[in-house]
Every structure is written in C-alpha cells, then in structure tokens.
PDB file of N, CA and C in Angstrom:
ATOM      1  N   MET A   1     161.106  90.574  60.774  1.00  0.00           N
ATOM      2  CA  MET A   1     160.247  89.437  61.087  1.00  0.00           C
ATOM      3  C   MET A   1     159.423  89.080  59.861  1.00  0.00           C
ATOM      4  N   ASP A   2     159.238  87.819  59.663  1.00  0.00           N
ATOM      5  CA  ASP A   2     158.442  87.303  58.558  1.00  0.00           C
ATOM      6  C   ASP A   2     156.968  87.586  58.832  1.00  0.00           C
ATOM      7  N   SER A   3     156.282  88.136  57.856  1.00  0.00           N
ATOM      8  CA  SER A   3     154.852  88.373  58.002  1.00  0.00           C
ATOM      9  C   SER A   3     154.123  87.042  57.966  1.00  0.00           C
ATOM     10  N   SER A   4     153.303  86.795  58.957  1.00  0.00           N
ATOM     11  CA  SER A   4     152.571  85.530  59.001  1.00  0.00           C
ATOM     12  C   SER A   4     151.094  85.822  59.199  1.00  0.00           C
ATOM     13  N   SER A   5     150.455  86.182  58.134  1.00  0.00           N
ATOM     14  CA  SER A   5     149.035  86.454  58.189  1.00  0.00           C
ATOM     15  C   SER A   5     148.317  85.524  57.230  1.00  0.00           C
ATOM     16  N   LEU A   6     147.018  85.547  57.317  1.00  0.00           N
ATOM     17  CA  LEU A   6     146.228  84.712  56.420  1.00  0.00           C
ATOM     18  C   LEU A   6     145.001  85.465  55.968  1.00  0.00           C
ATOM     19  N   THR A   7     144.490  85.044  54.815  1.00  0.00           N
ATOM     20  CA  THR A   7     143.217  85.549  54.329  1.00  0.00           C
ATOM     21  C   THR A   7     142.335  84.348  54.026  1.00  0.00           C
ATOM     22  N   VAL A   8     141.048  84.566  54.167  1.00  0.00           N
ATOM     23  CA  VAL A   8     140.069  83.503  53.960  1.00  0.00           C
ATOM     24  C   VAL A   8     139.064  83.980  52.926  1.00  0.00           C
ATOM     25  N   SER A   9     138.769  83.107  51.970  1.00  0.00           N
ATOM     26  CA  SER A   9     137.738  83.421  50.981  1.00  0.00           C
ATOM     27  C   SER A   9     136.968  82.147  50.664  1.00  0.00           C
ATOM     28  N   ASP A  10     135.846  82.317  49.998  1.00  0.00           N
ATOM     29  CA  ASP A  10     135.035  81.181  49.585  1.00  0.00           C
ATOM     30  C   ASP A  10     134.896  81.224  48.075  1.00  0.00           C
ATOM     31  N   SER A  11     135.060  80.070  47.459  1.00  0.00           N
ATOM     32  CA  SER A  11     134.911  79.972  46.013  1.00  0.00           C
ATOM     33  C   SER A  11     134.188  78.679  45.687  1.00  0.00           C
ATOM     34  N   SER A  12     132.982  78.783  45.200  1.00  0.00           N
ATOM     35  CA  SER A  12     132.177  77.615  44.808  1.00  0.00           C
ATOM     36  C   SER A  12     132.036  76.600  45.935  1.00  0.00           C
ATOM     37  N   GLY A  13     131.842  77.075  47.157  1.00  0.00           N
ATOM     38  CA  GLY A  13     131.663  76.173  48.287  1.00  0.00           C
ATOM     39  C   GLY A  13     132.953  75.618  48.858  1.00  0.00           C
ATOM     40  N   VAL A  14     134.082  76.086  48.361  1.00  0.00           N
ATOM     41  CA  VAL A  14     135.390  75.654  48.853  1.00  0.00           C
ATOM     42  C   VAL A  14     136.018  76.828  49.600  1.00  0.00           C
ATOM     43  N   THR A  15     136.495  76.577  50.810  1.00  0.00           N
ATOM     44  CA  THR A  15     137.177  77.605  51.588  1.00  0.00           C
ATOM     45  C   THR A  15     138.633  77.667  51.153  1.00  0.00           C
ATOM     46  N   VAL A  16     139.080  78.851  50.787  1.00  0.00           N
ATOM     47  CA  VAL A  16     140.476  79.047  50.383  1.00  0.00           C
ATOM     48  C   VAL A  16     141.179  79.827  51.490  1.00  0.00           C
ATOM     49  N   ILE A  17     142.150  79.178  52.118  1.00  0.00           N
ATOM     50  CA  ILE A  17     142.962  79.801  53.162  1.00  0.00           C
ATOM     51  C   ILE A  17     144.310  80.128  52.529  1.00  0.00           C
ATOM     52  N   THR A  18     144.624  81.399  52.426  1.00  0.00           N
ATOM     53  CA  THR A  18     145.903  81.811  51.855  1.00  0.00           C
ATOM     54  C   THR A  18     146.818  82.264  52.984  1.00  0.00           C
ATOM     55  N   LEU A  19     147.947  81.578  53.107  1.00  0.00           N
ATOM     56  CA  LEU A  19     148.936  81.951  54.112  1.00  0.00           C
ATOM     57  C   LEU A  19     149.946  82.890  53.467  1.00  0.00           C
ATOM     58  N   HIS A  20     150.120  84.041  54.069  1.00  0.00           N
ATOM     59  CA  HIS A  20     151.049  85.046  53.554  1.00  0.00           C
ATOM     60  C   HIS A  20     152.321  85.007  54.395  1.00  0.00           C
ATOM     61  N   THR A  21     153.146  84.026  54.122  1.00  0.00           N
ATOM     62  CA  THR A  21     154.400  83.883  54.846  1.00  0.00           C
ATOM     63  C   THR A  21     155.447  83.273  53.925  1.00  0.00           C
ATOM     64  N   ARG A  22     156.657  83.767  54.012  1.00  0.00           N
ATOM     65  CA  ARG A  22     157.748  83.241  53.189  1.00  0.00           C
ATOM     66  C   ARG A  22     158.258  81.923  53.752  1.00  0.00           C
ATOM     67  N   ASP A  23     158.388  81.867  55.061  1.00  0.00           N
ATOM     68  CA  ASP A  23     158.907  80.672  55.726  1.00  0.00           C
ATOM     69  C   ASP A  23     157.884  80.153  56.724  1.00  0.00           C
ATOM     70  N   LEU A  24     157.455  78.939  56.539  1.00  0.00           N
ATOM     71  CA  LEU A  24     156.512  78.315  57.460  1.00  0.00           C
ATOM     72  C   LEU A  24     157.343  77.528  58.475  1.00  0.00           C
ATOM     73  N   VAL A  25     157.839  78.261  59.463  1.00  0.00           N
ATOM     74  CA  VAL A  25     158.736  77.705  60.479  1.00  0.00           C
ATOM     75  C   VAL A  25     158.068  77.818  61.846  1.00  0.00           C
ATOM     76  N   GLU A  26     158.770  77.380  62.881  1.00  0.00           N
ATOM     77  CA  GLU A  26     158.166  77.260  64.206  1.00  0.00           C
ATOM     78  C   GLU A  26     157.471  78.535  64.686  1.00  0.00           C
ATOM     79  N   HIS A  27     158.120  79.679  64.603  1.00  0.00           N
ATOM     80  CA  HIS A  27     157.486  80.886  65.146  1.00  0.00           C
ATOM     81  C   HIS A  27     156.282  81.335  64.313  1.00  0.00           C
ATOM     82  N   THR A  28     156.304  81.124  63.000  1.00  0.00           N
ATOM     83  CA  THR A  28     155.130  81.497  62.205  1.00  0.00           C
ATOM     84  C   THR A  28     153.992  80.508  62.422  1.00  0.00           C
ATOM     85  N   VAL A  29     154.328  79.236  62.576  1.00  0.00           N
ATOM     86  CA  VAL A  29     153.299  78.229  62.870  1.00  0.00           C
ATOM     87  C   VAL A  29     152.668  78.528  64.226  1.00  0.00           C
ATOM     88  N   PHE A  30     153.477  78.940  65.199  1.00  0.00           N
ATOM     89  CA  PHE A  30     152.968  79.293  66.527  1.00  0.00           C
ATOM     90  C   PHE A  30     151.927  80.409  66.418  1.00  0.00           C
ATOM     91  N   GLU A  31     152.171  81.381  65.537  1.00  0.00           N
ATOM     92  CA  GLU A  31     151.222  82.478  65.330  1.00  0.00           C
ATOM     93  C   GLU A  31     149.995  82.046  64.527  1.00  0.00           C
ATOM     94  N   LEU A  32     150.209  81.223  63.506  1.00  0.00           N
ATOM     95  CA  LEU A  32     149.124  80.864  62.585  1.00  0.00           C
ATOM     96  C   LEU A  32     148.214  79.751  63.089  1.00  0.00           C
ATOM     97  N   ARG A  33     148.771  78.781  63.833  1.00  0.00           N
ATOM     98  CA  ARG A  33     147.992  77.600  64.238  1.00  0.00           C
ATOM     99  C   ARG A  33     146.650  77.970  64.878  1.00  0.00           C
ATOM    100  N   PRO A  34     146.597  78.835  65.901  1.00  0.00           N
ATOM    101  CA  PRO A  34     145.294  79.136  66.503  1.00  0.00           C
ATOM    102  C   PRO A  34     144.318  79.787  65.526  1.00  0.00           C
ATOM    103  N   GLN A  35     144.834  80.637  64.641  1.00  0.00           N
ATOM    104  CA  GLN A  35     143.968  81.296  63.659  1.00  0.00           C
ATOM    105  C   GLN A  35     143.359  80.279  62.699  1.00  0.00           C
ATOM    106  N   VAL A  36     144.189  79.346  62.244  1.00  0.00           N
ATOM    107  CA  VAL A  36     143.733  78.345  61.276  1.00  0.00           C
ATOM    108  C   VAL A  36     142.789  77.347  61.941  1.00  0.00           C
ATOM    109  N   LEU A  37     143.158  76.852  63.116  1.00  0.00           N
ATOM    110  CA  LEU A  37     142.354  75.815  63.758  1.00  0.00           C
ATOM    111  C   LEU A  37     140.975  76.314  64.170  1.00  0.00           C
ATOM    112  N   LYS A  38     140.851  77.595  64.513  1.00  0.00           N
ATOM    113  CA  LYS A  38     139.520  78.102  64.879  1.00  0.00           C
ATOM    114  C   LYS A  38     138.601  78.209  63.663  1.00  0.00           C
ATOM    115  N   LEU A  39     139.175  78.174  62.470  1.00  0.00           N
ATOM    116  CA  LEU A  39     138.374  78.215  61.243  1.00  0.00           C
ATOM    117  C   LEU A  39     137.819  76.852  60.852  1.00  0.00           C
ATOM    118  N   LEU A  40     138.405  75.790  61.411  1.00  0.00           N
ATOM    119  CA  LEU A  40     137.970  74.440  61.037  1.00  0.00           C
ATOM    120  C   LEU A  40     136.549  74.185  61.517  1.00  0.00           C
ATOM    121  N   PRO A  41     135.657  73.800  60.621  1.00  0.00           N
ATOM    122  CA  PRO A  41     134.275  73.515  61.010  1.00  0.00           C
ATOM    123  C   PRO A  41     134.172  72.142  61.664  1.00  0.00           C
ATOM    124  N   SER A  42     133.058  71.908  62.332  1.00  0.00           N
ATOM    125  CA  SER A  42     132.853  70.608  62.968  1.00  0.00           C
ATOM    126  C   SER A  42     132.341  69.566  61.975  1.00  0.00           C
ATOM    127  N   GLY A  43     131.846  69.993  60.840  1.00  0.00           N
ATOM    128  CA  GLY A  43     131.344  69.066  59.832  1.00  0.00           C
ATOM    129  C   GLY A  43     132.249  69.010  58.618  1.00  0.00           C
ATOM    130  N   PRO A  44     131.787  68.318  57.573  1.00  0.00           N
ATOM    131  CA  PRO A  44     132.602  68.188  56.370  1.00  0.00           C
ATOM    132  C   PRO A  44     132.862  69.547  55.714  1.00  0.00           C
ATOM    133  N   ALA A  45     134.070  69.717  55.245  1.00  0.00           N
ATOM    134  CA  ALA A  45     134.438  70.959  54.568  1.00  0.00           C
ATOM    135  C   ALA A  45     135.506  70.656  53.534  1.00  0.00           C
ATOM    136  N   ARG A  46     135.562  71.492  52.548  1.00  0.00           N
ATOM    137  CA  ARG A  46     136.577  71.371  51.496  1.00  0.00           C
ATOM    138  C   ARG A  46     137.435  72.629  51.564  1.00  0.00           C
ATOM    139  N   TRP A  47     138.730  72.410  51.778  1.00  0.00           N
ATOM    140  CA  TRP A  47     139.664  73.521  51.940  1.00  0.00           C
ATOM    141  C   TRP A  47     140.768  73.455  50.915  1.00  0.00           C
ATOM    142  N   VAL A  48     141.170  74.619  50.433  1.00  0.00           N
ATOM    143  CA  VAL A  48     142.416  74.769  49.682  1.00  0.00           C
ATOM    144  C   VAL A  48     143.338  75.595  50.573  1.00  0.00           C
ATOM    145  N   LEU A  49     144.495  75.053  50.880  1.00  0.00           N
ATOM    146  CA  LEU A  49     145.512  75.793  51.613  1.00  0.00           C
ATOM    147  C   LEU A  49     146.483  76.341  50.575  1.00  0.00           C
ATOM    148  N   ASN A  50     146.407  77.643  50.362  1.00  0.00           N
ATOM    149  CA  ASN A  50     147.181  78.313  49.323  1.00  0.00           C
ATOM    150  C   ASN A  50     148.450  78.903  49.937  1.00  0.00           C
ATOM    151  N   LEU A  51     149.602  78.544  49.368  1.00  0.00           N
ATOM    152  CA  LEU A  51     150.898  78.992  49.884  1.00  0.00           C
ATOM    153  C   LEU A  51     151.678  79.731  48.791  1.00  0.00           C
ATOM    154  N   PRO A  52     151.164  80.861  48.298  1.00  0.00           N
ATOM    155  CA  PRO A  52     151.775  81.506  47.134  1.00  0.00           C
ATOM    156  C   PRO A  52     153.137  82.141  47.399  1.00  0.00           C
ATOM    157  N   GLU A  53     153.401  82.524  48.633  1.00  0.00           N
ATOM    158  CA  GLU A  53     154.652  83.212  48.961  1.00  0.00           C
ATOM    159  C   GLU A  53     155.650  82.310  49.674  1.00  0.00           C
ATOM    160  N   THR A  54     155.227  81.110  50.009  1.00  0.00           N
ATOM    161  CA  THR A  54     156.050  80.237  50.842  1.00  0.00           C
ATOM    162  C   THR A  54     157.199  79.632  50.050  1.00  0.00           C
ATOM    163  N   GLU A  55     158.397  79.788  50.604  1.00  0.00           N
ATOM    164  CA  GLU A  55     159.605  79.253  49.985  1.00  0.00           C
ATOM    165  C   GLU A  55     160.233  78.133  50.806  1.00  0.00           C
ATOM    166  N   PHE A  56     159.892  78.068  52.091  1.00  0.00           N
ATOM    167  CA  PHE A  56     160.485  77.059  52.969  1.00  0.00           C
ATOM    168  C   PHE A  56     159.442  76.595  53.971  1.00  0.00           C
ATOM    169  N   ILE A  57     159.372  75.280  54.179  1.00  0.00           N
ATOM    170  CA  ILE A  57     158.474  74.715  55.182  1.00  0.00           C
ATOM    171  C   ILE A  57     159.293  73.807  56.084  1.00  0.00           C
ATOM    172  N   ALA A  58     159.347  74.157  57.367  1.00  0.00           N
ATOM    173  CA  ALA A  58     160.047  73.346  58.360  1.00  0.00           C
ATOM    174  C   ALA A  58     159.103  72.267  58.886  1.00  0.00           C
ATOM    175  N   SER A  59     159.614  71.414  59.745  1.00  0.00           N
ATOM    176  CA  SER A  59     158.798  70.314  60.273  1.00  0.00           C
ATOM    177  C   SER A  59     157.560  70.829  61.002  1.00  0.00           C
ATOM    178  N   ALA A  60     157.648  71.985  61.663  1.00  0.00           N
ATOM    179  CA  ALA A  60     156.474  72.552  62.334  1.00  0.00           C
ATOM    180  C   ALA A  60     155.382  72.888  61.320  1.00  0.00           C
ATOM    181  N   GLY A  61     155.767  73.392  60.162  1.00  0.00           N
ATOM    182  CA  GLY A  61     154.804  73.702  59.106  1.00  0.00           C
ATOM    183  C   GLY A  61     154.166  72.455  58.534  1.00  0.00           C
ATOM    184  N   ILE A  62     154.986  71.431  58.336  1.00  0.00           N
ATOM    185  CA  ILE A  62     154.448  70.148  57.867  1.00  0.00           C
ATOM    186  C   ILE A  62     153.458  69.609  58.888  1.00  0.00           C
ATOM    187  N   GLY A  63     153.808  69.724  60.160  1.00  0.00           N
ATOM    188  CA  GLY A  63     152.913  69.264  61.222  1.00  0.00           C
ATOM    189  C   GLY A  63     151.578  69.973  61.199  1.00  0.00           C
ATOM    190  N   LEU A  64     151.588  71.278  60.963  1.00  0.00           N
ATOM    191  CA  LEU A  64     150.337  72.036  60.888  1.00  0.00           C
ATOM    192  C   LEU A  64     149.488  71.555  59.717  1.00  0.00           C
ATOM    193  N   ILE A  65     150.106  71.347  58.577  1.00  0.00           N
ATOM    194  CA  ILE A  65     149.365  70.888  57.396  1.00  0.00           C
ATOM    195  C   ILE A  65     148.789  69.496  57.628  1.00  0.00           C
ATOM    196  N   VAL A  66     149.559  68.615  58.238  1.00  0.00           N
ATOM    197  CA  VAL A  66     149.066  67.270  58.562  1.00  0.00           C
ATOM    198  C   VAL A  66     147.896  67.366  59.539  1.00  0.00           C
ATOM    199  N   GLN A  67     147.998  68.242  60.526  1.00  0.00           N
ATOM    200  CA  GLN A  67     146.919  68.416  61.500  1.00  0.00           C
ATOM    201  C   GLN A  67     145.640  68.901  60.817  1.00  0.00           C
ATOM    202  N   ILE A  68     145.759  69.862  59.926  1.00  0.00           N
ATOM    203  CA  ILE A  68     144.592  70.363  59.191  1.00  0.00           C
ATOM    204  C   ILE A  68     143.976  69.246  58.352  1.00  0.00           C
ATOM    205  N   ALA A  69     144.810  68.522  57.622  1.00  0.00           N
ATOM    206  CA  ALA A  69     144.317  67.432  56.768  1.00  0.00           C
ATOM    207  C   ALA A  69     143.602  66.377  57.597  1.00  0.00           C
ATOM    208  N   HIS A  70     144.172  66.032  58.739  1.00  0.00           N
ATOM    209  CA  HIS A  70     143.563  65.006  59.597  1.00  0.00           C
ATOM    210  C   HIS A  70     142.211  65.474  60.137  1.00  0.00           C
ATOM    211  N   LYS A  71     142.150  66.709  60.631  1.00  0.00           N
ATOM    212  CA  LYS A  71     140.885  67.217  61.177  1.00  0.00           C
ATOM    213  C   LYS A  71     139.808  67.296  60.099  1.00  0.00           C
ATOM    214  N   LEU A  72     140.177  67.744  58.907  1.00  0.00           N
ATOM    215  CA  LEU A  72     139.193  67.806  57.826  1.00  0.00           C
ATOM    216  C   LEU A  72     138.719  66.412  57.432  1.00  0.00           C
ATOM    217  N   SER A  73     139.655  65.490  57.216  1.00  0.00           N
ATOM    218  CA  SER A  73     139.268  64.150  56.755  1.00  0.00           C
ATOM    219  C   SER A  73     138.495  63.385  57.821  1.00  0.00           C
ATOM    220  N   SER A  74     138.792  63.609  59.096  1.00  0.00           N
ATOM    221  CA  SER A  74     138.055  62.900  60.145  1.00  0.00           C
ATOM    222  C   SER A  74     136.604  63.362  60.226  1.00  0.00           C
ATOM    223  N   ASN A  75     136.301  64.520  59.648  1.00  0.00           N
ATOM    224  CA  ASN A  75     134.923  65.018  59.590  1.00  0.00           C
ATOM    225  C   ASN A  75     134.318  64.892  58.198  1.00  0.00           C
ATOM    226  N   GLY A  76     134.953  64.095  57.335  1.00  0.00           N
ATOM    227  CA  GLY A  76     134.428  63.874  55.995  1.00  0.00           C
ATOM    228  C   GLY A  76     134.804  64.949  54.992  1.00  0.00           C
ATOM    229  N   GLY A  77     135.764  65.791  55.334  1.00  0.00           N
ATOM    230  CA  GLY A  77     136.179  66.864  54.439  1.00  0.00           C
ATOM    231  C   GLY A  77     137.423  66.510  53.648  1.00  0.00           C
ATOM    232  N   LYS A  78     137.905  67.477  52.878  1.00  0.00           N
ATOM    233  CA  LYS A  78     139.088  67.276  52.037  1.00  0.00           C
ATOM    234  C   LYS A  78     139.966  68.515  52.076  1.00  0.00           C
ATOM    235  N   LEU A  79     141.265  68.286  51.892  1.00  0.00           N
ATOM    236  CA  LEU A  79     142.235  69.366  51.806  1.00  0.00           C
ATOM    237  C   LEU A  79     143.016  69.235  50.515  1.00  0.00           C
ATOM    238  N   ALA A  80     143.239  70.357  49.859  1.00  0.00           N
ATOM    239  CA  ALA A  80     144.152  70.424  48.716  1.00  0.00           C
ATOM    240  C   ALA A  80     145.158  71.526  49.005  1.00  0.00           C
ATOM    241  N   LEU A  81     146.363  71.345  48.506  1.00  0.00           N
ATOM    242  CA  LEU A  81     147.411  72.350  48.658  1.00  0.00           C
ATOM    243  C   LEU A  81     147.648  73.041  47.330  1.00  0.00           C
ATOM    244  N   CYS A  82     147.889  74.328  47.386  1.00  0.00           N
ATOM    245  CA  CYS A  82     148.284  75.084  46.205  1.00  0.00           C
ATOM    246  C   CYS A  82     149.673  75.634  46.498  1.00  0.00           C
ATOM    247  N   ILE A  83     150.675  75.048  45.824  1.00  0.00           N
ATOM    248  CA  ILE A  83     152.078  75.371  46.079  1.00  0.00           C
ATOM    249  C   ILE A  83     152.743  75.732  44.755  1.00  0.00           C
ATOM    250  N   LEU A  84     153.499  76.809  44.759  1.00  0.00           N
ATOM    251  CA  LEU A  84     154.170  77.251  43.543  1.00  0.00           C
ATOM    252  C   LEU A  84     155.606  76.756  43.435  1.00  0.00           C
ATOM    253  N   LYS A  85     156.298  76.594  44.532  1.00  0.00           N
ATOM    254  CA  LYS A  85     157.722  76.249  44.512  1.00  0.00           C
ATOM    255  C   LYS A  85     157.905  74.744  44.313  1.00  0.00           C
ATOM    256  N   THR A  86     158.614  74.369  43.269  1.00  0.00           N
ATOM    257  CA  THR A  86     158.798  72.967  42.889  1.00  0.00           C
ATOM    258  C   THR A  86     159.381  72.126  44.013  1.00  0.00           C
ATOM    259  N   GLU A  87     160.348  72.656  44.735  1.00  0.00           N
ATOM    260  CA  GLU A  87     160.975  71.897  45.818  1.00  0.00           C
ATOM    261  C   GLU A  87     159.969  71.532  46.906  1.00  0.00           C
ATOM    262  N   LEU A  88     159.021  72.415  47.162  1.00  0.00           N
ATOM    263  CA  LEU A  88     158.001  72.126  48.168  1.00  0.00           C
ATOM    264  C   LEU A  88     157.015  71.083  47.669  1.00  0.00           C
ATOM    265  N   VAL A  89     156.692  71.129  46.398  1.00  0.00           N
ATOM    266  CA  VAL A  89     155.807  70.114  45.818  1.00  0.00           C
ATOM    267  C   VAL A  89     156.437  68.739  45.998  1.00  0.00           C
ATOM    268  N   GLU A  90     157.723  68.630  45.727  1.00  0.00           N
ATOM    269  CA  GLU A  90     158.425  67.348  45.880  1.00  0.00           C
ATOM    270  C   GLU A  90     158.387  66.866  47.321  1.00  0.00           C
ATOM    271  N   LEU A  91     158.511  67.774  48.273  1.00  0.00           N
ATOM    272  CA  LEU A  91     158.440  67.415  49.687  1.00  0.00           C
ATOM    273  C   LEU A  91     157.113  66.732  50.008  1.00  0.00           C
ATOM    274  N   PHE A  92     156.026  67.281  49.505  1.00  0.00           N
ATOM    275  CA  PHE A  92     154.707  66.742  49.815  1.00  0.00           C
ATOM    276  C   PHE A  92     154.323  65.546  48.954  1.00  0.00           C
ATOM    277  N   ARG A  93     155.067  65.289  47.922  1.00  0.00           N
ATOM    278  CA  ARG A  93     154.816  64.094  47.112  1.00  0.00           C
ATOM    279  C   ARG A  93     155.639  62.908  47.596  1.00  0.00           C
ATOM    280  N   ALA A  94     156.418  63.108  48.636  1.00  0.00           N
ATOM    281  CA  ALA A  94     157.214  62.020  49.203  1.00  0.00           C
ATOM    282  C   ALA A  94     156.277  60.916  49.687  1.00  0.00           C
ATOM    283  N   PRO A  95     156.730  59.669  49.647  1.00  0.00           N
ATOM    284  CA  PRO A  95     155.860  58.536  49.978  1.00  0.00           C
ATOM    285  C   PRO A  95     155.246  58.581  51.370  1.00  0.00           C
ATOM    286  N   TYR A  96     155.901  59.221  52.317  1.00  0.00           N
ATOM    287  CA  TYR A  96     155.392  59.216  53.685  1.00  0.00           C
ATOM    288  C   TYR A  96     154.286  60.239  53.920  1.00  0.00           C
ATOM    289  N   PHE A  97     154.075  61.160  52.990  1.00  0.00           N
ATOM    290  CA  PHE A  97     153.072  62.184  53.229  1.00  0.00           C
ATOM    291  C   PHE A  97     151.677  61.654  52.921  1.00  0.00           C
ATOM    292  N   LEU A  98     150.685  62.369  53.402  1.00  0.00           N
ATOM    293  CA  LEU A  98     149.293  61.977  53.203  1.00  0.00           C
ATOM    294  C   LEU A  98     148.969  61.815  51.725  1.00  0.00           C
ATOM    295  N   GLN A  99     148.531  60.656  51.355  1.00  0.00           N
ATOM    296  CA  GLN A  99     148.188  60.391  49.960  1.00  0.00           C
ATOM    297  C   GLN A  99     146.875  61.063  49.563  1.00  0.00           C
ATOM    298  N   SER A 100     146.070  61.425  50.550  1.00  0.00           N
ATOM    299  CA  SER A 100     144.753  61.992  50.251  1.00  0.00           C
ATOM    300  C   SER A 100     144.789  63.492  49.966  1.00  0.00           C
ATOM    301  N   VAL A 101     145.952  64.130  50.090  1.00  0.00           N
ATOM    302  CA  VAL A 101     146.054  65.571  49.866  1.00  0.00           C
ATOM    303  C   VAL A 101     146.575  65.827  48.459  1.00  0.00           C
ATOM    304  N   ALA A 102     145.723  66.402  47.626  1.00  0.00           N
ATOM    305  CA  ALA A 102     146.121  66.718  46.251  1.00  0.00           C
ATOM    306  C   ALA A 102     146.885  68.037  46.235  1.00  0.00           C
ATOM    307  N   ILE A 103     147.802  68.165  45.277  1.00  0.00           N
ATOM    308  CA  ILE A 103     148.612  69.370  45.158  1.00  0.00           C
ATOM    309  C   ILE A 103     148.384  69.990  43.784  1.00  0.00           C
ATOM    310  N   PHE A 104     148.144  71.301  43.782  1.00  0.00           N
ATOM    311  CA  PHE A 104     147.878  72.027  42.547  1.00  0.00           C
ATOM    312  C   PHE A 104     148.787  73.244  42.460  1.00  0.00           C
ATOM    313  N   SER A 105     148.958  73.766  41.257  1.00  0.00           N
ATOM    314  CA  SER A 105     149.814  74.940  41.077  1.00  0.00           C
ATOM    315  C   SER A 105     149.027  76.248  41.069  1.00  0.00           C
ATOM    316  N   ASP A 106     147.685  76.153  41.054  1.00  0.00           N
ATOM    317  CA  ASP A 106     146.893  77.381  41.097  1.00  0.00           C
ATOM    318  C   ASP A 106     145.570  77.124  41.806  1.00  0.00           C
ATOM    319  N   VAL A 107     145.039  78.181  42.395  1.00  0.00           N
ATOM    320  CA  VAL A 107     143.819  78.080  43.194  1.00  0.00           C
ATOM    321  C   VAL A 107     142.601  77.687  42.360  1.00  0.00           C
ATOM    322  N   PRO A 108     142.344  78.269  41.178  1.00  0.00           N
ATOM    323  CA  PRO A 108     141.151  77.873  40.424  1.00  0.00           C
ATOM    324  C   PRO A 108     141.093  76.372  40.122  1.00  0.00           C
ATOM    325  N   THR A 109     142.224  75.769  39.798  1.00  0.00           N
ATOM    326  CA  THR A 109     142.245  74.329  39.526  1.00  0.00           C
ATOM    327  C   THR A 109     141.966  73.542  40.796  1.00  0.00           C
ATOM    328  N   ALA A 110     142.540  73.977  41.910  1.00  0.00           N
ATOM    329  CA  ALA A 110     142.308  73.301  43.191  1.00  0.00           C
ATOM    330  C   ALA A 110     140.844  73.402  43.595  1.00  0.00           C
ATOM    331  N   VAL A 111     140.258  74.583  43.445  1.00  0.00           N
ATOM    332  CA  VAL A 111     138.847  74.780  43.782  1.00  0.00           C
ATOM    333  C   VAL A 111     137.967  73.908  42.893  1.00  0.00           C
ATOM    334  N   ALA A 112     138.255  73.867  41.605  1.00  0.00           N
ATOM    335  CA  ALA A 112     137.465  73.042  40.682  1.00  0.00           C
ATOM    336  C   ALA A 112     137.532  71.572  41.071  1.00  0.00           C
ATOM    337  N   ALA A 113     138.688  71.117  41.511  1.00  0.00           N
ATOM    338  CA  ALA A 113     138.839  69.713  41.897  1.00  0.00           C
ATOM    339  C   ALA A 113     138.061  69.385  43.166  1.00  0.00           C
ATOM    340  N   LEU A 114     137.910  70.346  44.060  1.00  0.00           N
ATOM    341  CA  LEU A 114     137.216  70.096  45.328  1.00  0.00           C
ATOM    342  C   LEU A 114     135.751  70.498  45.321  1.00  0.00           C
ATOM    343  N   SER A 115     135.332  71.274  44.343  1.00  0.00           N
ATOM    344  CA  SER A 115     133.952  71.763  44.313  1.00  0.00           C
ATOM    345  C   SER A 115     132.970  70.621  44.175  1.00  0.00           C
ATOM    346  N   PRO A 116     131.887  70.680  44.955  1.00  0.00           N
ATOM    347  CA  PRO A 116     130.841  69.680  44.785  1.00  0.00           C
ATOM    348  C   PRO A 116     130.203  69.855  43.409  1.00  0.00           C
ATOM    349  N   HIS A 117     130.038  68.760  42.711  1.00  0.00           N
ATOM    350  CA  HIS A 117     129.502  68.842  41.339  1.00  0.00           C
ATOM    351  C   HIS A 117     128.042  68.500  41.302  1.00  0.00           C
TER     352      HIS A 117
END
C-alpha cells in the first residue's frame, strides 16, 4: 500500500503541508482529504502544498488540490504548489487549471513568494 501521510510546518507565516505519497489517487485522497481539510483555517492563510515524492496525480488528486485552492482563495488566502516531477508541472500549467496557483520547484522559493512582506 502506498504511504499517504502528511506533515505540517510553518515557515515565515506560511503553512507548508507536505504530502508523503507516491501516487495521489482515489484511495490516498480518501485518506488525506479529511486530514487536509480540517487544517484549513476560516480566515486568510498562505499554504504551500509540497509534493516531493509524488509521481502520479489522478483526477481525485487534482480535485483535492482544486478544493484546497478554492477554500483558501474564498477566504482571502493563497496556495502554491511545490512539485518536482516535470510531467506534473505541465499538468498544472494546462490552460484549464487555476491560474492563481503558482508552482515552484522548492519549498524555500514557494515560502518566499507567499510570505507577507
């Protein structure tokens, strides 16, 4: 079974959620969704969703990311993705994806971009 856990940290006022899963597919999303959604604050927040081990994202995974982005932006917050695999970056740069979600190759750069100045 694919390990689907997460870790949460704070860096310069930005919450970094690191998903430790190789495949973000239906069964891992089923496990992760409640954990991630309970972390969402009711007010504005800046999140980096870090996917360092992820090699494949199915439609359920895309749906979870869209849901997180929508909940954050509807409360005045922002989401950035940190993705290492080039094929996944291309998926999220497709014209139909949320234009407001920035994509970075490393967490420090993502945190710097979202940190309040």
